Amino acid sequence: MVPAATLTVIFIFLDRSPLSEPLWAAGADMHSLFYNFIINPKAQPGDQWCKIRGQVDQKTFLFYNCVNAKAKSISILGGKIDSTKTWEEQTETLRDLGNMLKQELLDIKLENCAATAPAILWANLTCHGRAGEPPSGSWELGFNGQILFHIESNKRKWTEVNPGSSCIKKKWEKNRELTQFLYRTSTDDCGSWFEEFMEHWKEILETRELRHVAGGTAEKTRAVLRVMDLIPPTFRCCCQRAYG
């Protein structure tokens, strides 16, 4: 006979099983849209002189090839949005951003910054926010994976993150066209993409949650049936009423 204390422990475990924990949990309403640019103006003709990766909540959904100016959708989210007008607008903006950043990197060599100008430019565009609230955006720029500058969407000021790059900072900060373009893409463009992409992303997460809950319920039922086989017939009646 299975002791009553053992039965209590078994059913407490089943009630608190992590299978019932939802994917859309508290705090999960903060989301992010992220684009990483890697620009190499010294690339050979025909090679990828820039690479762009797009992510939602750190899940990659886009790869952009600057050679043929095409964005390739990755994952379920990419498949849902790659035929939308927003996807086309996003692709055009990514193309323009890649070209502008490449030109800015080449222009550095014409200034006194030439001696310290590295070959590969890194840039990160990020929008983040909660559901139902306007997202905020920012830019990070640097070289060889090291971030040197930061720009908030509500400011048009370049903030130097690491010392020793004031020459490049002064040059870019004076470039109104570059500053306005980066500001607009981190607010208007990225903000509109964020709002539309999040609608599709939420649908995907909710679908996964339903499957998760359904799978967890089935697994919990199988676990109960396995435990019921261990319970003497005299105790099964009350247990079936409680968990059947």
C-alpha atoms as a PDB file:
ATOM      1  CA  MET A   1       0.000   0.000   0.000  1.00  0.00           C
ATOM      2  CA  VAL A   2       1.256   3.502  -0.887  1.00  0.00           C
ATOM      3  CA  PRO A   3       1.452   5.684   2.254  1.00  0.00           C
ATOM      4  CA  ALA A   4      -0.906   8.666   2.387  1.00  0.00           C
ATOM      5  CA  ALA A   5       2.045  11.053   2.856  1.00  0.00           C
ATOM      6  CA  THR A   6       3.549   9.781  -0.407  1.00  0.00           C
ATOM      7  CA  LEU A   7       0.280  10.362  -2.248  1.00  0.00           C
ATOM      8  CA  THR A   8       0.178  13.935  -0.939  1.00  0.00           C
ATOM      9  CA  VAL A   9       3.695  14.630  -2.204  1.00  0.00           C
ATOM     10  CA  ILE A  10       2.918  13.080  -5.606  1.00  0.00           C
ATOM     11  CA  PHE A  11      -0.151  15.233  -6.228  1.00  0.00           C
ATOM     12  CA  ILE A  12       1.466  18.406  -4.939  1.00  0.00           C
ATOM     13  CA  PHE A  13       4.218  17.768  -7.485  1.00  0.00           C
ATOM     14  CA  LEU A  14       1.685  17.303 -10.264  1.00  0.00           C
ATOM     15  CA  ASP A  15      -0.183  20.484  -9.349  1.00  0.00           C
ATOM     16  CA  ARG A  16       3.045  22.492  -9.400  1.00  0.00           C
ATOM     17  CA  SER A  17       4.438  20.939 -12.548  1.00  0.00           C
ATOM     18  CA  PRO A  18       6.301  23.507 -14.734  1.00  0.00           C
ATOM     19  CA  LEU A  19       4.373  22.169 -17.719  1.00  0.00           C
ATOM     20  CA  SER A  20       1.546  24.500 -16.781  1.00  0.00           C
ATOM     21  CA  GLU A  21       3.701  27.673 -16.777  1.00  0.00           C
ATOM     22  CA  PRO A  22       2.716  29.954 -19.712  1.00  0.00           C
ATOM     23  CA  LEU A  23       5.211  31.210 -22.287  1.00  0.00           C
ATOM     24  CA  TRP A  24       3.618  34.677 -22.301  1.00  0.00           C
ATOM     25  CA  ALA A  25       4.591  35.233 -18.659  1.00  0.00           C
ATOM     26  CA  ALA A  26       4.714  38.358 -16.528  1.00  0.00           C
ATOM     27  CA  GLY A  27       7.344  40.769 -17.796  1.00  0.00           C
ATOM     28  CA  ALA A  28       7.333  39.266 -21.293  1.00  0.00           C
ATOM     29  CA  ASP A  29       5.553  42.322 -22.716  1.00  0.00           C
ATOM     30  CA  MET A  30       8.900  44.117 -23.243  1.00  0.00           C
ATOM     31  CA  HIS A  31      10.096  43.428 -26.788  1.00  0.00           C
ATOM     32  CA  SER A  32      12.887  44.557 -29.085  1.00  0.00           C
ATOM     33  CA  LEU A  33      13.599  44.948 -32.795  1.00  0.00           C
ATOM     34  CA  PHE A  34      17.314  44.886 -33.581  1.00  0.00           C
ATOM     35  CA  TYR A  35      19.476  45.306 -36.706  1.00  0.00           C
ATOM     36  CA  ASN A  36      23.223  44.687 -36.805  1.00  0.00           C
ATOM     37  CA  PHE A  37      25.287  46.187 -39.655  1.00  0.00           C
ATOM     38  CA  ILE A  38      28.836  45.088 -40.523  1.00  0.00           C
ATOM     39  CA  ILE A  39      30.388  47.286 -43.240  1.00  0.00           C
ATOM     40  CA  ASN A  40      33.675  46.402 -44.968  1.00  0.00           C
ATOM     41  CA  PRO A  41      34.447  48.884 -47.778  1.00  0.00           C
ATOM     42  CA  LYS A  42      37.641  46.987 -48.663  1.00  0.00           C
ATOM     43  CA  ALA A  43      35.730  43.909 -49.788  1.00  0.00           C
ATOM     44  CA  GLN A  44      36.601  42.624 -53.245  1.00  0.00           C
ATOM     45  CA  PRO A  45      34.135  43.289 -56.110  1.00  0.00           C
ATOM     46  CA  GLY A  46      31.300  40.789 -55.935  1.00  0.00           C
ATOM     47  CA  ASP A  47      31.951  39.950 -52.279  1.00  0.00           C
ATOM     48  CA  GLN A  48      29.616  41.008 -49.480  1.00  0.00           C
ATOM     49  CA  TRP A  49      30.863  44.429 -48.458  1.00  0.00           C
ATOM     50  CA  CYS A  50      28.145  44.591 -45.821  1.00  0.00           C
ATOM     51  CA  LYS A  51      26.014  42.176 -43.828  1.00  0.00           C
ATOM     52  CA  ILE A  52      22.811  43.026 -41.982  1.00  0.00           C
ATOM     53  CA  ARG A  53      20.995  40.765 -39.512  1.00  0.00           C
ATOM     54  CA  GLY A  54      17.524  41.527 -38.127  1.00  0.00           C
ATOM     55  CA  GLN A  55      16.203  40.112 -34.858  1.00  0.00           C
ATOM     56  CA  VAL A  56      13.007  40.256 -32.816  1.00  0.00           C
ATOM     57  CA  ASP A  57      13.518  39.440 -29.149  1.00  0.00           C
ATOM     58  CA  GLN A  58      16.987  38.084 -30.069  1.00  0.00           C
ATOM     59  CA  LYS A  59      15.461  35.691 -32.620  1.00  0.00           C
ATOM     60  CA  THR A  60      16.847  36.183 -36.145  1.00  0.00           C
ATOM     61  CA  PHE A  61      14.201  36.749 -38.810  1.00  0.00           C
ATOM     62  CA  LEU A  62      16.181  38.522 -41.574  1.00  0.00           C
ATOM     63  CA  PHE A  63      19.473  38.464 -43.435  1.00  0.00           C
ATOM     64  CA  TYR A  64      20.244  41.271 -45.885  1.00  0.00           C
ATOM     65  CA  ASN A  65      22.756  40.927 -48.720  1.00  0.00           C
ATOM     66  CA  CYS A  66      24.147  44.304 -49.762  1.00  0.00           C
ATOM     67  CA  VAL A  67      25.548  42.950 -53.039  1.00  0.00           C
ATOM     68  CA  ASN A  68      22.160  42.126 -54.578  1.00  0.00           C
ATOM     69  CA  ALA A  69      20.182  44.427 -52.237  1.00  0.00           C
ATOM     70  CA  LYS A  70      17.805  41.672 -51.145  1.00  0.00           C
ATOM     71  CA  ALA A  71      16.488  40.716 -47.729  1.00  0.00           C
ATOM     72  CA  LYS A  72      16.052  37.011 -46.999  1.00  0.00           C
ATOM     73  CA  SER A  73      13.397  36.018 -44.484  1.00  0.00           C
ATOM     74  CA  ILE A  74      14.359  33.562 -41.754  1.00  0.00           C
ATOM     75  CA  SER A  75      12.028  31.793 -39.303  1.00  0.00           C
ATOM     76  CA  ILE A  76       8.224  31.792 -39.045  1.00  0.00           C
ATOM     77  CA  LEU A  77       8.095  35.533 -38.400  1.00  0.00           C
ATOM     78  CA  GLY A  78      10.064  36.293 -41.544  1.00  0.00           C
ATOM     79  CA  GLY A  79       7.690  34.157 -43.575  1.00  0.00           C
ATOM     80  CA  LYS A  80       4.693  36.082 -42.255  1.00  0.00           C
ATOM     81  CA  ILE A  81       6.010  39.539 -43.084  1.00  0.00           C
ATOM     82  CA  ASP A  82       8.239  39.111 -46.156  1.00  0.00           C
ATOM     83  CA  SER A  83       5.352  39.838 -48.547  1.00  0.00           C
ATOM     84  CA  THR A  84       4.118  42.984 -46.779  1.00  0.00           C
ATOM     85  CA  LYS A  85       4.631  46.590 -47.834  1.00  0.00           C
ATOM     86  CA  THR A  86       6.491  47.214 -44.591  1.00  0.00           C
ATOM     87  CA  TRP A  87       9.016  44.544 -45.554  1.00  0.00           C
ATOM     88  CA  GLU A  88       9.684  46.363 -48.848  1.00  0.00           C
ATOM     89  CA  GLU A  89      10.061  49.703 -47.076  1.00  0.00           C
ATOM     90  CA  GLN A  90      12.401  48.097 -44.552  1.00  0.00           C
ATOM     91  CA  THR A  91      14.532  46.595 -47.349  1.00  0.00           C
ATOM     92  CA  GLU A  92      14.880  49.970 -49.088  1.00  0.00           C
ATOM     93  CA  THR A  93      15.876  51.695 -45.849  1.00  0.00           C
ATOM     94  CA  LEU A  94      18.437  49.004 -45.026  1.00  0.00           C
ATOM     95  CA  ARG A  95      19.932  49.480 -48.493  1.00  0.00           C
ATOM     96  CA  ASP A  96      20.178  53.255 -48.010  1.00  0.00           C
ATOM     97  CA  LEU A  97      21.663  52.852 -44.544  1.00  0.00           C
ATOM     98  CA  GLY A  98      24.288  50.412 -45.799  1.00  0.00           C
ATOM     99  CA  ASN A  99      25.329  52.750 -48.605  1.00  0.00           C
ATOM    100  CA  MET A 100      25.465  55.793 -46.336  1.00  0.00           C
ATOM    101  CA  LEU A 101      27.501  54.066 -43.635  1.00  0.00           C
ATOM    102  CA  LYS A 102      29.922  52.753 -46.255  1.00  0.00           C
ATOM    103  CA  GLN A 103      30.426  56.239 -47.676  1.00  0.00           C
ATOM    104  CA  GLU A 104      30.940  57.721 -44.226  1.00  0.00           C
ATOM    105  CA  LEU A 105      33.596  55.124 -43.505  1.00  0.00           C
ATOM    106  CA  LEU A 106      35.391  55.918 -46.776  1.00  0.00           C
ATOM    107  CA  ASP A 107      35.216  59.657 -46.093  1.00  0.00           C
ATOM    108  CA  ILE A 108      37.010  59.231 -42.765  1.00  0.00           C
ATOM    109  CA  LYS A 109      40.177  58.395 -44.666  1.00  0.00           C
ATOM    110  CA  LEU A 110      40.094  61.837 -46.271  1.00  0.00           C
ATOM    111  CA  GLU A 111      40.269  63.539 -42.878  1.00  0.00           C
ATOM    112  CA  ASN A 112      42.915  63.665 -40.171  1.00  0.00           C
ATOM    113  CA  CYS A 113      41.257  60.556 -38.688  1.00  0.00           C
ATOM    114  CA  ALA A 114      42.797  58.413 -41.443  1.00  0.00           C
ATOM    115  CA  ALA A 115      45.584  57.105 -39.248  1.00  0.00           C
ATOM    116  CA  THR A 116      43.150  55.715 -36.684  1.00  0.00           C
ATOM    117  CA  ALA A 117      40.294  54.666 -38.981  1.00  0.00           C
ATOM    118  CA  PRO A 118      39.783  50.874 -38.827  1.00  0.00           C
ATOM    119  CA  ALA A 119      38.563  48.899 -41.827  1.00  0.00           C
ATOM    120  CA  ILE A 120      35.262  47.430 -40.581  1.00  0.00           C
ATOM    121  CA  LEU A 121      32.352  49.473 -39.235  1.00  0.00           C
ATOM    122  CA  TRP A 122      29.801  48.020 -36.800  1.00  0.00           C
ATOM    123  CA  ALA A 123      26.401  49.618 -36.257  1.00  0.00           C
ATOM    124  CA  ASN A 124      23.402  48.521 -34.186  1.00  0.00           C
ATOM    125  CA  LEU A 125      19.883  49.908 -34.610  1.00  0.00           C
ATOM    126  CA  THR A 126      17.487  48.997 -31.806  1.00  0.00           C
ATOM    127  CA  CYS A 127      13.824  49.728 -31.030  1.00  0.00           C
ATOM    128  CA  HIS A 128      12.286  48.430 -27.822  1.00  0.00           C
ATOM    129  CA  GLY A 129       9.104  48.933 -25.875  1.00  0.00           C
ATOM    130  CA  ARG A 130       6.033  47.401 -24.290  1.00  0.00           C
ATOM    131  CA  ALA A 131       2.833  46.394 -25.999  1.00  0.00           C
ATOM    132  CA  GLY A 132       0.571  49.380 -26.622  1.00  0.00           C
ATOM    133  CA  GLU A 133       3.303  51.954 -25.947  1.00  0.00           C
ATOM    134  CA  PRO A 134       5.408  53.927 -28.461  1.00  0.00           C
ATOM    135  CA  PRO A 135       8.818  52.272 -28.797  1.00  0.00           C
ATOM    136  CA  SER A 136      12.090  54.095 -28.191  1.00  0.00           C
ATOM    137  CA  GLY A 137      15.089  53.685 -30.468  1.00  0.00           C
ATOM    138  CA  SER A 138      18.836  54.102 -30.460  1.00  0.00           C
ATOM    139  CA  TRP A 139      21.970  53.685 -32.537  1.00  0.00           C
ATOM    140  CA  GLU A 140      25.360  52.289 -31.542  1.00  0.00           C
ATOM    141  CA  LEU A 141      28.356  52.683 -33.838  1.00  0.00           C
ATOM    142  CA  GLY A 142      31.929  51.493 -33.607  1.00  0.00           C
ATOM    143  CA  PHE A 143      34.661  49.465 -35.240  1.00  0.00           C
ATOM    144  CA  ASN A 144      35.635  45.784 -35.218  1.00  0.00           C
ATOM    145  CA  GLY A 145      32.913  44.921 -32.717  1.00  0.00           C
ATOM    146  CA  GLN A 146      33.811  47.693 -30.259  1.00  0.00           C
ATOM    147  CA  ILE A 147      31.065  50.285 -29.734  1.00  0.00           C
ATOM    148  CA  LEU A 148      32.356  53.878 -29.686  1.00  0.00           C
ATOM    149  CA  PHE A 149      29.259  56.072 -30.064  1.00  0.00           C
ATOM    150  CA  HIS A 150      25.669  55.990 -28.864  1.00  0.00           C
ATOM    151  CA  ILE A 151      22.653  58.007 -30.080  1.00  0.00           C
ATOM    152  CA  GLU A 152      19.251  58.003 -28.326  1.00  0.00           C
ATOM    153  CA  SER A 153      16.177  58.523 -30.511  1.00  0.00           C
ATOM    154  CA  ASN A 154      14.975  61.463 -28.397  1.00  0.00           C
ATOM    155  CA  LYS A 155      18.345  63.230 -28.738  1.00  0.00           C
ATOM    156  CA  ARG A 156      20.404  64.239 -31.741  1.00  0.00           C
ATOM    157  CA  LYS A 157      23.612  64.150 -29.778  1.00  0.00           C
ATOM    158  CA  TRP A 158      26.498  61.756 -30.252  1.00  0.00           C
ATOM    159  CA  THR A 159      27.658  60.276 -26.952  1.00  0.00           C
ATOM    160  CA  GLU A 160      31.208  58.959 -26.902  1.00  0.00           C
ATOM    161  CA  VAL A 161      31.230  55.577 -25.161  1.00  0.00           C
ATOM    162  CA  ASN A 162      34.958  54.869 -25.387  1.00  0.00           C
ATOM    163  CA  PRO A 163      37.684  57.545 -25.328  1.00  0.00           C
ATOM    164  CA  GLY A 164      40.120  58.028 -28.166  1.00  0.00           C
ATOM    165  CA  SER A 165      37.583  58.436 -30.960  1.00  0.00           C
ATOM    166  CA  SER A 166      36.856  62.155 -30.684  1.00  0.00           C
ATOM    167  CA  CYS A 167      38.178  62.856 -34.189  1.00  0.00           C
ATOM    168  CA  ILE A 168      35.596  60.592 -35.833  1.00  0.00           C
ATOM    169  CA  LYS A 169      32.886  61.758 -33.429  1.00  0.00           C
ATOM    170  CA  LYS A 170      33.409  65.418 -34.339  1.00  0.00           C
ATOM    171  CA  LYS A 171      33.276  64.644 -38.041  1.00  0.00           C
ATOM    172  CA  TRP A 172      30.065  62.606 -37.846  1.00  0.00           C
ATOM    173  CA  GLU A 173      28.416  64.926 -35.353  1.00  0.00           C
ATOM    174  CA  LYS A 174      28.828  67.837 -37.779  1.00  0.00           C
ATOM    175  CA  ASN A 175      27.244  65.831 -40.587  1.00  0.00           C
ATOM    176  CA  ARG A 176      23.604  66.933 -40.300  1.00  0.00           C
ATOM    177  CA  GLU A 177      22.438  64.666 -43.099  1.00  0.00           C
ATOM    178  CA  LEU A 178      23.883  61.595 -41.380  1.00  0.00           C
ATOM    179  CA  THR A 179      22.556  62.600 -37.961  1.00  0.00           C
ATOM    180  CA  GLN A 180      19.050  63.304 -39.267  1.00  0.00           C
ATOM    181  CA  PHE A 181      18.987  60.049 -41.229  1.00  0.00           C
ATOM    182  CA  LEU A 182      20.032  57.999 -38.209  1.00  0.00           C
ATOM    183  CA  TYR A 183      17.554  59.874 -36.027  1.00  0.00           C
ATOM    184  CA  ARG A 184      14.669  59.314 -38.454  1.00  0.00           C
ATOM    185  CA  THR A 185      15.391  55.609 -38.921  1.00  0.00           C
ATOM    186  CA  SER A 186      15.538  55.027 -35.152  1.00  0.00           C
ATOM    187  CA  THR A 187      12.208  56.778 -34.573  1.00  0.00           C
ATOM    188  CA  ASP A 188       9.840  56.839 -37.554  1.00  0.00           C
ATOM    189  CA  ASP A 189      11.104  53.868 -39.573  1.00  0.00           C
ATOM    190  CA  CYS A 190      12.109  51.442 -36.842  1.00  0.00           C
ATOM    191  CA  GLY A 191       9.104  52.468 -34.749  1.00  0.00           C
ATOM    192  CA  SER A 192       6.606  51.633 -37.514  1.00  0.00           C
ATOM    193  CA  TRP A 193       8.357  48.334 -38.267  1.00  0.00           C
ATOM    194  CA  PHE A 194       8.320  47.491 -34.574  1.00  0.00           C
ATOM    195  CA  GLU A 195       4.557  48.018 -34.220  1.00  0.00           C
ATOM    196  CA  GLU A 196       3.646  45.891 -37.257  1.00  0.00           C
ATOM    197  CA  PHE A 197       6.162  43.109 -36.636  1.00  0.00           C
ATOM    198  CA  MET A 198       5.092  42.808 -32.999  1.00  0.00           C
ATOM    199  CA  GLU A 199       1.515  42.045 -34.023  1.00  0.00           C
ATOM    200  CA  HIS A 200       2.716  39.013 -35.970  1.00  0.00           C
ATOM    201  CA  TRP A 201       5.230  38.065 -33.302  1.00  0.00           C
ATOM    202  CA  LYS A 202       2.565  38.104 -30.595  1.00  0.00           C
ATOM    203  CA  GLU A 203       0.378  35.779 -32.690  1.00  0.00           C
ATOM    204  CA  ILE A 204       3.288  33.356 -33.031  1.00  0.00           C
ATOM    205  CA  LEU A 205       3.993  33.407 -29.293  1.00  0.00           C
ATOM    206  CA  GLU A 206       0.324  32.910 -28.421  1.00  0.00           C
ATOM    207  CA  THR A 207       0.094  29.946 -30.814  1.00  0.00           C
ATOM    208  CA  ARG A 208       3.189  28.421 -29.226  1.00  0.00           C
ATOM    209  CA  GLU A 209       1.700  28.975 -25.784  1.00  0.00           C
ATOM    210  CA  LEU A 210      -1.501  27.143 -26.742  1.00  0.00           C
ATOM    211  CA  ARG A 211       0.529  24.215 -28.058  1.00  0.00           C
ATOM    212  CA  HIS A 212       2.674  24.290 -24.950  1.00  0.00           C
ATOM    213  CA  VAL A 213      -0.340  24.233 -22.649  1.00  0.00           C
ATOM    214  CA  ALA A 214      -2.013  21.482 -24.675  1.00  0.00           C
ATOM    215  CA  GLY A 215       1.163  19.402 -24.623  1.00  0.00           C
ATOM    216  CA  GLY A 216       1.616  20.033 -20.906  1.00  0.00           C
ATOM    217  CA  THR A 217      -1.961  18.989 -20.149  1.00  0.00           C
ATOM    218  CA  ALA A 218      -1.514  15.760 -22.074  1.00  0.00           C
ATOM    219  CA  GLU A 219       1.771  15.003 -20.302  1.00  0.00           C
ATOM    220  CA  LYS A 220       0.224  15.784 -16.926  1.00  0.00           C
ATOM    221  CA  THR A 221      -2.668  13.432 -17.676  1.00  0.00           C
ATOM    222  CA  ARG A 222      -0.251  10.644 -18.578  1.00  0.00           C
ATOM    223  CA  ALA A 223       1.679  11.281 -15.368  1.00  0.00           C
ATOM    224  CA  VAL A 224      -1.531  11.058 -13.314  1.00  0.00           C
ATOM    225  CA  LEU A 225      -2.473   7.774 -14.979  1.00  0.00           C
ATOM    226  CA  ARG A 226       0.964   6.354 -14.204  1.00  0.00           C
ATOM    227  CA  VAL A 227       0.588   7.387 -10.565  1.00  0.00           C
ATOM    228  CA  MET A 228      -2.956   5.981 -10.394  1.00  0.00           C
ATOM    229  CA  ASP A 229      -1.554   2.556 -11.204  1.00  0.00           C
ATOM    230  CA  LEU A 230       0.393   2.739  -7.948  1.00  0.00           C
ATOM    231  CA  ILE A 231      -2.648   3.618  -5.841  1.00  0.00           C
ATOM    232  CA  PRO A 232      -4.671   0.839  -4.213  1.00  0.00           C
ATOM    233  CA  PRO A 233      -8.250   0.496  -5.572  1.00  0.00           C
ATOM    234  CA  THR A 234      -9.707   1.739  -2.281  1.00  0.00           C
ATOM    235  CA  PHE A 235      -8.085   5.175  -2.812  1.00  0.00           C
ATOM    236  CA  ARG A 236      -8.652   5.536  -6.566  1.00  0.00           C
ATOM    237  CA  CYS A 237     -12.242   6.747  -6.268  1.00  0.00           C
ATOM    238  CA  CYS A 238     -11.390   9.969  -4.438  1.00  0.00           C
ATOM    239  CA  CYS A 239      -8.315  10.542  -6.596  1.00  0.00           C
ATOM    240  CA  GLN A 240     -10.315  10.160  -9.817  1.00  0.00           C
ATOM    241  CA  ARG A 241     -12.827  12.743  -8.580  1.00  0.00           C
ATOM    242  CA  ALA A 242     -10.017  15.163  -7.798  1.00  0.00           C
ATOM    243  CA  TYR A 243      -7.895  14.678 -10.938  1.00  0.00           C
ATOM    244  CA  GLY A 244     -10.153  12.912 -13.385  1.00  0.00           C
END
